[in-house]
Amino acid sequence: MARQAAMLTGIAGVVVVALSAWVAATWVLQRATMFPRPPAAPVSPATGRSDVEIIRLGPEGVEAWYLPARNVEGPAPALVFTHGNGELIDYWLEPFSSVPEWGVGVMLVEYPGYGRSGGQPSERSIGRVMAAAYDDLAARPEVDAGRIVAWGRSLGGAAACSLADQRDVAALILESTFTGVRPLARRFGIIGPLVRDPFDNLRVVEDFAGPVLVLHGEHDSIVPVAHGRALAQAAPAAELHVLPCGHNDCPLQGPLIRSWLERTALLP
């Protein structure tokens, strides 16, 4: 009996040690997985361009690029765009270079610790940078602070929701965005309390009264289309477009988005 008790105690000890190691590894490694931070060129590709203003946001000096609206008189609307977790703003300068011709300004915002930006990425630090980006735009005389739209792709949708949770954005565009990190983490056996950056986008959308445009790939294997459908269903004023693509192969939906901005009176 004593030998059996000792054996059970030993097994329990091994289980506790293994479980503790798994919890510790999950806690430490999840941000490396969530924020992979691809390498960036040491010199910003926006350097020397007359159509781009390079900005540094917050105490970390996070890089952002501002492309002023063209072909417009008076204060213009503005888009704040945030990209996916395995991307950089470097990837998005050319796709957005013609968007100011719509008569809308664009701010491309990097994440802390990405590219040439200081700091470390987290839900809190990203939220601070997004608020700083909004405040920079709202203070510009050429920007209509009442028509600032948050637009995010994948993780960027979470950054956009974080901004909507802090500032009075006029609208939300959520592309390939998840309802929250916790539902995604459950697919990998990670329970809710272990998620360090939960990004509860569903809650934000439920509380957001403005127009919401949801774009999601029908064949998305990273963030299943059910997340996009749930976000659209939760929003009081949402429009959903399910696209014939996956997660990283959906082209920029410029005409669709421009039409939606016009129909919601955010563009003249």
C-alpha atoms as a PDB file:
ATOM      1  CA  MET A   1       0.000   0.000   0.000  1.00  0.00           C
ATOM      2  CA  ALA A   2       2.788   2.411   0.905  1.00  0.00           C
ATOM      3  CA  ARG A   3       4.561   1.582  -2.352  1.00  0.00           C
ATOM      4  CA  GLN A   4       1.395   2.272  -4.344  1.00  0.00           C
ATOM      5  CA  ALA A   5       0.879   5.578  -2.542  1.00  0.00           C
ATOM      6  CA  ALA A   6       4.451   6.598  -3.269  1.00  0.00           C
ATOM      7  CA  MET A   7       4.011   5.628  -6.912  1.00  0.00           C
ATOM      8  CA  LEU A   8       0.813   7.659  -7.221  1.00  0.00           C
ATOM      9  CA  THR A   9       2.476  10.610  -5.535  1.00  0.00           C
ATOM     10  CA  GLY A  10       5.372  10.366  -7.965  1.00  0.00           C
ATOM     11  CA  ILE A  11       3.037  10.228 -10.939  1.00  0.00           C
ATOM     12  CA  ALA A  12       1.085  13.196  -9.640  1.00  0.00           C
ATOM     13  CA  GLY A  13       4.338  15.114  -9.220  1.00  0.00           C
ATOM     14  CA  VAL A  14       5.362  14.378 -12.799  1.00  0.00           C
ATOM     15  CA  VAL A  15       1.944  15.491 -14.046  1.00  0.00           C
ATOM     16  CA  VAL A  16       2.137  18.734 -12.060  1.00  0.00           C
ATOM     17  CA  VAL A  17       5.642  19.465 -13.338  1.00  0.00           C
ATOM     18  CA  ALA A  18       4.648  18.710 -16.942  1.00  0.00           C
ATOM     19  CA  LEU A  19       1.495  20.803 -16.666  1.00  0.00           C
ATOM     20  CA  SER A  20       3.406  23.690 -15.103  1.00  0.00           C
ATOM     21  CA  ALA A  21       5.990  23.525 -17.887  1.00  0.00           C
ATOM     22  CA  TRP A  22       3.240  23.536 -20.517  1.00  0.00           C
ATOM     23  CA  VAL A  23       1.518  26.534 -18.904  1.00  0.00           C
ATOM     24  CA  ALA A  24       4.829  28.413 -18.675  1.00  0.00           C
ATOM     25  CA  ALA A  25       5.718  27.638 -22.290  1.00  0.00           C
ATOM     26  CA  THR A  26       2.249  28.658 -23.455  1.00  0.00           C
ATOM     27  CA  TRP A  27       2.497  31.936 -21.549  1.00  0.00           C
ATOM     28  CA  VAL A  28       5.976  32.776 -22.835  1.00  0.00           C
ATOM     29  CA  LEU A  29       5.755  31.586 -26.430  1.00  0.00           C
ATOM     30  CA  GLN A  30       2.281  32.722 -27.447  1.00  0.00           C
ATOM     31  CA  ARG A  31       3.369  36.274 -28.291  1.00  0.00           C
ATOM     32  CA  ALA A  32       6.151  34.969 -30.515  1.00  0.00           C
ATOM     33  CA  THR A  33       3.484  32.991 -32.355  1.00  0.00           C
ATOM     34  CA  MET A  34       0.943  35.793 -32.438  1.00  0.00           C
ATOM     35  CA  PHE A  35       3.402  38.516 -33.416  1.00  0.00           C
ATOM     36  CA  PRO A  36       6.000  36.864 -35.707  1.00  0.00           C
ATOM     37  CA  ARG A  37       7.477  40.195 -36.897  1.00  0.00           C
ATOM     38  CA  PRO A  38       9.012  39.638 -40.349  1.00  0.00           C
ATOM     39  CA  PRO A  39      12.332  41.333 -41.147  1.00  0.00           C
ATOM     40  CA  ALA A  40      12.229  44.849 -42.549  1.00  0.00           C
ATOM     41  CA  ALA A  41      14.524  46.983 -44.653  1.00  0.00           C
ATOM     42  CA  PRO A  42      16.566  49.349 -42.457  1.00  0.00           C
ATOM     43  CA  VAL A  43      15.492  52.323 -44.565  1.00  0.00           C
ATOM     44  CA  SER A  44      11.781  53.026 -44.856  1.00  0.00           C
ATOM     45  CA  PRO A  45      10.458  52.622 -48.420  1.00  0.00           C
ATOM     46  CA  ALA A  46       8.476  55.809 -47.796  1.00  0.00           C
ATOM     47  CA  THR A  47      11.701  57.810 -47.460  1.00  0.00           C
ATOM     48  CA  GLY A  48      12.000  60.494 -50.129  1.00  0.00           C
ATOM     49  CA  ARG A  49       8.424  60.180 -51.384  1.00  0.00           C
ATOM     50  CA  SER A  50       6.624  63.494 -51.729  1.00  0.00           C
ATOM     51  CA  ASP A  51       3.211  61.859 -51.302  1.00  0.00           C
ATOM     52  CA  VAL A  52       3.995  60.257 -47.928  1.00  0.00           C
ATOM     53  CA  GLU A  53       4.683  61.802 -44.531  1.00  0.00           C
ATOM     54  CA  ILE A  54       6.614  59.579 -42.121  1.00  0.00           C
ATOM     55  CA  ILE A  55       5.337  59.888 -38.542  1.00  0.00           C
ATOM     56  CA  ARG A  56       6.499  58.501 -35.216  1.00  0.00           C
ATOM     57  CA  LEU A  57       3.753  57.649 -32.750  1.00  0.00           C
ATOM     58  CA  GLY A  58       3.874  57.317 -28.974  1.00  0.00           C
ATOM     59  CA  PRO A  59       6.868  56.985 -26.656  1.00  0.00           C
ATOM     60  CA  GLU A  60       8.070  53.892 -28.537  1.00  0.00           C
ATOM     61  CA  GLY A  61       8.381  55.837 -31.789  1.00  0.00           C
ATOM     62  CA  VAL A  62       6.154  53.491 -33.794  1.00  0.00           C
ATOM     63  CA  GLU A  63       6.349  54.206 -37.513  1.00  0.00           C
ATOM     64  CA  ALA A  64       3.276  55.337 -39.446  1.00  0.00           C
ATOM     65  CA  TRP A  65       2.811  56.784 -42.909  1.00  0.00           C
ATOM     66  CA  TYR A  66       0.301  59.467 -43.779  1.00  0.00           C
ATOM     67  CA  LEU A  67      -0.917  59.876 -47.356  1.00  0.00           C
ATOM     68  CA  PRO A  68      -2.992  63.082 -47.634  1.00  0.00           C
ATOM     69  CA  ALA A  69      -6.247  63.133 -49.564  1.00  0.00           C
ATOM     70  CA  ARG A  70      -6.107  64.411 -53.108  1.00  0.00           C
ATOM     71  CA  ASN A  71      -8.713  66.004 -55.374  1.00  0.00           C
ATOM     72  CA  VAL A  72     -10.688  67.431 -52.480  1.00  0.00           C
ATOM     73  CA  GLU A  73     -11.395  70.835 -50.974  1.00  0.00           C
ATOM     74  CA  GLY A  74     -11.838  71.316 -47.251  1.00  0.00           C
ATOM     75  CA  PRO A  75     -11.467  68.710 -44.493  1.00  0.00           C
ATOM     76  CA  ALA A  76     -11.494  65.170 -45.893  1.00  0.00           C
ATOM     77  CA  PRO A  77     -12.258  61.759 -44.385  1.00  0.00           C
ATOM     78  CA  ALA A  78      -9.366  59.486 -43.438  1.00  0.00           C
ATOM     79  CA  LEU A  79      -8.708  55.755 -43.204  1.00  0.00           C
ATOM     80  CA  VAL A  80      -6.515  54.218 -40.498  1.00  0.00           C
ATOM     81  CA  PHE A  81      -5.247  50.890 -41.859  1.00  0.00           C
ATOM     82  CA  THR A  82      -3.603  48.097 -39.866  1.00  0.00           C
ATOM     83  CA  HIS A  83      -2.208  44.931 -41.438  1.00  0.00           C
ATOM     84  CA  GLY A  84      -1.945  41.247 -40.533  1.00  0.00           C
ATOM     85  CA  ASN A  85       0.383  39.836 -37.897  1.00  0.00           C
ATOM     86  CA  GLY A  86       2.954  38.481 -40.356  1.00  0.00           C
ATOM     87  CA  GLU A  87       3.153  41.661 -42.418  1.00  0.00           C
ATOM     88  CA  LEU A  88       4.637  45.159 -42.336  1.00  0.00           C
ATOM     89  CA  ILE A  89       3.368  48.517 -43.525  1.00  0.00           C
ATOM     90  CA  ASP A  90       6.098  48.190 -46.178  1.00  0.00           C
ATOM     91  CA  TYR A  91       3.858  45.684 -47.964  1.00  0.00           C
ATOM     92  CA  TRP A  92       0.926  48.096 -48.202  1.00  0.00           C
ATOM     93  CA  LEU A  93       2.350  51.372 -49.472  1.00  0.00           C
ATOM     94  CA  GLU A  94       1.865  50.599 -53.161  1.00  0.00           C
ATOM     95  CA  PRO A  95      -1.642  49.072 -52.801  1.00  0.00           C
ATOM     96  CA  PHE A  96      -2.769  52.214 -50.967  1.00  0.00           C
ATOM     97  CA  SER A  97      -0.894  54.790 -53.050  1.00  0.00           C
ATOM     98  CA  SER A  98      -3.906  55.497 -55.270  1.00  0.00           C
ATOM     99  CA  VAL A  99      -6.531  55.501 -52.475  1.00  0.00           C
ATOM    100  CA  PRO A 100      -6.032  59.236 -51.670  1.00  0.00           C
ATOM    101  CA  GLU A 101      -7.370  59.940 -55.157  1.00  0.00           C
ATOM    102  CA  TRP A 102     -10.788  58.977 -53.774  1.00  0.00           C
ATOM    103  CA  GLY A 103     -10.624  62.171 -51.714  1.00  0.00           C
ATOM    104  CA  VAL A 104      -9.678  60.347 -48.512  1.00  0.00           C
ATOM    105  CA  GLY A 105      -6.490  60.456 -46.454  1.00  0.00           C
ATOM    106  CA  VAL A 106      -4.762  57.235 -45.409  1.00  0.00           C
ATOM    107  CA  MET A 107      -2.645  56.443 -42.380  1.00  0.00           C
ATOM    108  CA  LEU A 108      -0.786  53.133 -42.435  1.00  0.00           C
ATOM    109  CA  VAL A 109       0.121  52.212 -38.858  1.00  0.00           C
ATOM    110  CA  GLU A 110       2.858  49.783 -37.830  1.00  0.00           C
ATOM    111  CA  TYR A 111       2.805  47.701 -34.649  1.00  0.00           C
ATOM    112  CA  PRO A 112       5.219  48.233 -31.754  1.00  0.00           C
ATOM    113  CA  GLY A 113       8.342  46.140 -32.261  1.00  0.00           C
ATOM    114  CA  TYR A 114       7.649  45.611 -35.963  1.00  0.00           C
ATOM    115  CA  GLY A 115       9.845  46.908 -38.758  1.00  0.00           C
ATOM    116  CA  ARG A 116      11.685  50.051 -37.703  1.00  0.00           C
ATOM    117  CA  SER A 117       9.450  50.655 -34.663  1.00  0.00           C
ATOM    118  CA  GLY A 118      10.406  50.492 -31.021  1.00  0.00           C
ATOM    119  CA  GLY A 119       8.525  48.758 -28.232  1.00  0.00           C
ATOM    120  CA  GLN A 120       6.990  45.294 -27.969  1.00  0.00           C
ATOM    121  CA  PRO A 121       3.681  44.151 -29.472  1.00  0.00           C
ATOM    122  CA  SER A 122       0.756  43.412 -27.165  1.00  0.00           C
ATOM    123  CA  GLU A 123      -2.925  44.250 -27.006  1.00  0.00           C
ATOM    124  CA  ARG A 124      -2.175  47.156 -24.689  1.00  0.00           C
ATOM    125  CA  SER A 125       0.719  48.625 -26.681  1.00  0.00           C
ATOM    126  CA  ILE A 126      -1.163  48.298 -29.976  1.00  0.00           C
ATOM    127  CA  GLY A 127      -4.141  50.047 -28.402  1.00  0.00           C
ATOM    128  CA  ARG A 128      -1.924  52.962 -27.334  1.00  0.00           C
ATOM    129  CA  VAL A 129      -0.501  53.337 -30.821  1.00  0.00           C
ATOM    130  CA  MET A 130      -3.933  53.225 -32.442  1.00  0.00           C
ATOM    131  CA  ALA A 131      -5.208  55.982 -30.150  1.00  0.00           C
ATOM    132  CA  ALA A 132      -2.118  58.059 -30.959  1.00  0.00           C
ATOM    133  CA  ALA A 133      -2.724  57.566 -34.696  1.00  0.00           C
ATOM    134  CA  TYR A 134      -6.316  58.722 -34.363  1.00  0.00           C
ATOM    135  CA  ASP A 135      -5.317  61.754 -32.308  1.00  0.00           C
ATOM    136  CA  ASP A 136      -2.705  62.719 -34.894  1.00  0.00           C
ATOM    137  CA  LEU A 137      -5.281  62.549 -37.674  1.00  0.00           C
ATOM    138  CA  ALA A 138      -8.016  64.337 -35.718  1.00  0.00           C
ATOM    139  CA  ALA A 139      -5.659  67.257 -35.000  1.00  0.00           C
ATOM    140  CA  ARG A 140      -4.923  67.865 -38.686  1.00  0.00           C
ATOM    141  CA  PRO A 141      -6.927  70.722 -40.225  1.00  0.00           C
ATOM    142  CA  GLU A 142      -7.182  68.898 -43.557  1.00  0.00           C
ATOM    143  CA  VAL A 143      -8.873  65.882 -41.886  1.00  0.00           C
ATOM    144  CA  ASP A 144     -12.539  65.708 -40.922  1.00  0.00           C
ATOM    145  CA  ALA A 145     -12.338  64.190 -37.419  1.00  0.00           C
ATOM    146  CA  GLY A 146     -15.961  63.092 -37.736  1.00  0.00           C
ATOM    147  CA  ARG A 147     -15.128  60.833 -40.703  1.00  0.00           C
ATOM    148  CA  ILE A 148     -12.163  58.789 -39.509  1.00  0.00           C
ATOM    149  CA  VAL A 149     -12.617  55.107 -40.436  1.00  0.00           C
ATOM    150  CA  ALA A 150     -10.708  52.216 -38.847  1.00  0.00           C
ATOM    151  CA  TRP A 151      -9.808  49.468 -41.333  1.00  0.00           C
ATOM    152  CA  GLY A 152      -7.934  46.334 -40.353  1.00  0.00           C
ATOM    153  CA  ARG A 153      -6.961  43.023 -41.922  1.00  0.00           C
ATOM    154  CA  SER A 154      -6.673  39.872 -39.771  1.00  0.00           C
ATOM    155  CA  LEU A 155      -4.873  41.010 -36.588  1.00  0.00           C
ATOM    156  CA  GLY A 156      -5.340  44.506 -37.969  1.00  0.00           C
ATOM    157  CA  GLY A 157      -9.079  44.086 -37.480  1.00  0.00           C
ATOM    158  CA  ALA A 158      -8.391  43.641 -33.776  1.00  0.00           C
ATOM    159  CA  ALA A 159      -6.306  46.850 -33.808  1.00  0.00           C
ATOM    160  CA  ALA A 160      -9.187  48.611 -35.569  1.00  0.00           C
ATOM    161  CA  CYS A 161     -11.629  47.359 -32.927  1.00  0.00           C
ATOM    162  CA  SER A 162      -9.253  48.519 -30.202  1.00  0.00           C
ATOM    163  CA  LEU A 163      -9.364  51.992 -31.729  1.00  0.00           C
ATOM    164  CA  ALA A 164     -13.166  51.916 -31.951  1.00  0.00           C
ATOM    165  CA  ASP A 165     -13.225  50.984 -28.270  1.00  0.00           C
ATOM    166  CA  GLN A 166     -11.218  54.091 -27.381  1.00  0.00           C
ATOM    167  CA  ARG A 167     -12.179  56.792 -29.867  1.00  0.00           C
ATOM    168  CA  ASP A 168     -15.280  57.834 -31.817  1.00  0.00           C
ATOM    169  CA  VAL A 169     -14.439  56.394 -35.202  1.00  0.00           C
ATOM    170  CA  ALA A 170     -17.072  56.876 -37.876  1.00  0.00           C
ATOM    171  CA  ALA A 171     -17.024  53.309 -39.217  1.00  0.00           C
ATOM    172  CA  LEU A 172     -15.235  49.965 -39.102  1.00  0.00           C
ATOM    173  CA  ILE A 173     -13.900  47.824 -41.938  1.00  0.00           C
ATOM    174  CA  LEU A 174     -12.965  44.331 -40.740  1.00  0.00           C
ATOM    175  CA  GLU A 175     -11.219  42.070 -43.217  1.00  0.00           C
ATOM    176  CA  SER A 176     -10.438  38.419 -42.386  1.00  0.00           C
ATOM    177  CA  THR A 177     -10.878  39.281 -38.714  1.00  0.00           C
ATOM    178  CA  PHE A 178     -11.487  36.941 -35.774  1.00  0.00           C
ATOM    179  CA  THR A 179     -14.177  37.367 -33.124  1.00  0.00           C
ATOM    180  CA  GLY A 180     -11.487  37.101 -30.432  1.00  0.00           C
ATOM    181  CA  VAL A 181      -8.212  35.361 -29.711  1.00  0.00           C
ATOM    182  CA  ARG A 182      -9.728  33.040 -27.120  1.00  0.00           C
ATOM    183  CA  PRO A 183     -11.975  31.211 -29.622  1.00  0.00           C
ATOM    184  CA  LEU A 184      -8.959  30.732 -31.898  1.00  0.00           C
ATOM    185  CA  ALA A 185      -6.744  29.585 -29.031  1.00  0.00           C
ATOM    186  CA  ARG A 186      -9.219  26.878 -28.015  1.00  0.00           C
ATOM    187  CA  ARG A 187      -8.444  25.141 -31.321  1.00  0.00           C
ATOM    188  CA  PHE A 188      -4.912  24.617 -29.982  1.00  0.00           C
ATOM    189  CA  GLY A 189      -5.941  23.534 -26.493  1.00  0.00           C
ATOM    190  CA  ILE A 190      -5.170  26.885 -24.860  1.00  0.00           C
ATOM    191  CA  ILE A 191      -7.768  27.844 -22.279  1.00  0.00           C
ATOM    192  CA  GLY A 192      -9.053  31.409 -21.932  1.00  0.00           C
ATOM    193  CA  PRO A 193      -7.156  32.485 -18.792  1.00  0.00           C
ATOM    194  CA  LEU A 194      -3.834  31.720 -20.503  1.00  0.00           C
ATOM    195  CA  VAL A 195      -4.498  34.102 -23.404  1.00  0.00           C
ATOM    196  CA  ARG A 196      -2.435  37.212 -22.761  1.00  0.00           C
ATOM    197  CA  ASP A 197      -3.916  39.360 -25.551  1.00  0.00           C
ATOM    198  CA  PRO A 198      -7.572  38.358 -25.907  1.00  0.00           C
ATOM    199  CA  PHE A 199      -8.701  41.089 -28.355  1.00  0.00           C
ATOM    200  CA  ASP A 200     -12.432  40.649 -27.758  1.00  0.00           C
ATOM    201  CA  ASN A 201     -13.562  42.034 -31.117  1.00  0.00           C
ATOM    202  CA  LEU A 202     -17.064  40.604 -30.830  1.00  0.00           C
ATOM    203  CA  ARG A 203     -17.765  42.723 -27.745  1.00  0.00           C
ATOM    204  CA  VAL A 204     -16.541  45.880 -29.470  1.00  0.00           C
ATOM    205  CA  VAL A 205     -18.656  45.242 -32.555  1.00  0.00           C
ATOM    206  CA  GLU A 206     -21.751  44.554 -30.450  1.00  0.00           C
ATOM    207  CA  ASP A 207     -21.345  47.975 -28.824  1.00  0.00           C
ATOM    208  CA  PHE A 208     -20.474  49.875 -32.006  1.00  0.00           C
ATOM    209  CA  ALA A 209     -23.380  51.858 -33.426  1.00  0.00           C
ATOM    210  CA  GLY A 210     -21.749  53.022 -36.659  1.00  0.00           C
ATOM    211  CA  PRO A 211     -21.597  51.219 -40.001  1.00  0.00           C
ATOM    212  CA  VAL A 212     -19.450  48.078 -40.187  1.00  0.00           C
ATOM    213  CA  LEU A 213     -18.174  46.430 -43.353  1.00  0.00           C
ATOM    214  CA  VAL A 214     -17.063  42.804 -42.924  1.00  0.00           C
ATOM    215  CA  LEU A 215     -14.997  41.116 -45.647  1.00  0.00           C
ATOM    216  CA  HIS A 216     -13.983  37.479 -45.272  1.00  0.00           C
ATOM    217  CA  GLY A 217     -12.599  34.752 -47.493  1.00  0.00           C
ATOM    218  CA  GLU A 218     -14.904  31.786 -47.905  1.00  0.00           C
ATOM    219  CA  HIS A 219     -11.925  29.405 -47.896  1.00  0.00           C
ATOM    220  CA  ASP A 220     -10.038  30.984 -44.988  1.00  0.00           C
ATOM    221  CA  SER A 221      -8.334  28.157 -43.083  1.00  0.00           C
ATOM    222  CA  ILE A 222      -6.602  30.430 -40.553  1.00  0.00           C
ATOM    223  CA  VAL A 223      -9.595  32.475 -39.396  1.00  0.00           C
ATOM    224  CA  PRO A 224     -12.665  30.511 -40.516  1.00  0.00           C
ATOM    225  CA  VAL A 225     -15.389  32.465 -42.263  1.00  0.00           C
ATOM    226  CA  ALA A 226     -17.688  31.731 -39.306  1.00  0.00           C
ATOM    227  CA  HIS A 227     -15.813  34.478 -37.434  1.00  0.00           C
ATOM    228  CA  GLY A 228     -16.685  37.029 -40.115  1.00  0.00           C
ATOM    229  CA  ARG A 229     -20.306  35.939 -40.136  1.00  0.00           C
ATOM    230  CA  ALA A 230     -20.489  36.220 -36.339  1.00  0.00           C
ATOM    231  CA  LEU A 231     -19.002  39.719 -36.384  1.00  0.00           C
ATOM    232  CA  ALA A 232     -21.466  40.862 -39.031  1.00  0.00           C
ATOM    233  CA  GLN A 233     -24.385  39.316 -37.161  1.00  0.00           C
ATOM    234  CA  ALA A 234     -23.350  41.021 -33.915  1.00  0.00           C
ATOM    235  CA  ALA A 235     -22.991  44.506 -35.366  1.00  0.00           C
ATOM    236  CA  PRO A 236     -26.106  46.699 -35.255  1.00  0.00           C
ATOM    237  CA  ALA A 237     -25.310  48.098 -38.731  1.00  0.00           C
ATOM    238  CA  ALA A 238     -23.191  45.677 -40.730  1.00  0.00           C
ATOM    239  CA  GLU A 239     -22.691  44.618 -44.324  1.00  0.00           C
ATOM    240  CA  LEU A 240     -21.031  41.249 -44.995  1.00  0.00           C
ATOM    241  CA  HIS A 241     -19.206  40.200 -48.151  1.00  0.00           C
ATOM    242  CA  VAL A 242     -17.928  36.622 -48.358  1.00  0.00           C
ATOM    243  CA  LEU A 243     -15.142  36.550 -50.952  1.00  0.00           C
ATOM    244  CA  PRO A 244     -13.899  33.625 -53.110  1.00  0.00           C
ATOM    245  CA  CYS A 245     -10.454  33.475 -51.472  1.00  0.00           C
ATOM    246  CA  GLY A 246      -8.627  32.280 -48.361  1.00  0.00           C
ATOM    247  CA  HIS A 247      -6.799  34.299 -45.717  1.00  0.00           C
ATOM    248  CA  ASN A 248      -3.724  35.758 -47.388  1.00  0.00           C
ATOM    249  CA  ASP A 249      -4.753  35.686 -51.032  1.00  0.00           C
ATOM    250  CA  CYS A 250      -7.696  38.106 -51.013  1.00  0.00           C
ATOM    251  CA  PRO A 251      -6.946  41.125 -53.231  1.00  0.00           C
ATOM    252  CA  LEU A 252      -7.536  44.637 -51.949  1.00  0.00           C
ATOM    253  CA  GLN A 253     -11.249  45.312 -52.435  1.00  0.00           C
ATOM    254  CA  GLY A 254     -10.824  48.948 -53.468  1.00  0.00           C
ATOM    255  CA  PRO A 255     -13.953  49.436 -55.614  1.00  0.00           C
ATOM    256  CA  LEU A 256     -16.169  47.616 -53.108  1.00  0.00           C
ATOM    257  CA  ILE A 257     -14.852  49.644 -50.184  1.00  0.00           C
ATOM    258  CA  ARG A 258     -15.059  52.932 -52.049  1.00  0.00           C
ATOM    259  CA  SER A 259     -18.675  52.194 -52.999  1.00  0.00           C
ATOM    260  CA  TRP A 260     -19.514  51.340 -49.383  1.00  0.00           C
ATOM    261  CA  LEU A 261     -17.911  54.557 -48.124  1.00  0.00           C
ATOM    262  CA  GLU A 262     -20.009  56.529 -50.608  1.00  0.00           C
ATOM    263  CA  ARG A 263     -23.220  54.719 -49.670  1.00  0.00           C
ATOM    264  CA  THR A 264     -22.612  55.393 -45.967  1.00  0.00           C
ATOM    265  CA  ALA A 265     -21.956  59.089 -46.712  1.00  0.00           C
ATOM    266  CA  LEU A 266     -18.361  58.853 -45.513  1.00  0.00           C
ATOM    267  CA  LEU A 267     -17.162  59.844 -48.976  1.00  0.00           C
ATOM    268  CA  PRO A 268     -18.844  62.589 -50.988  1.00  0.00           C
END
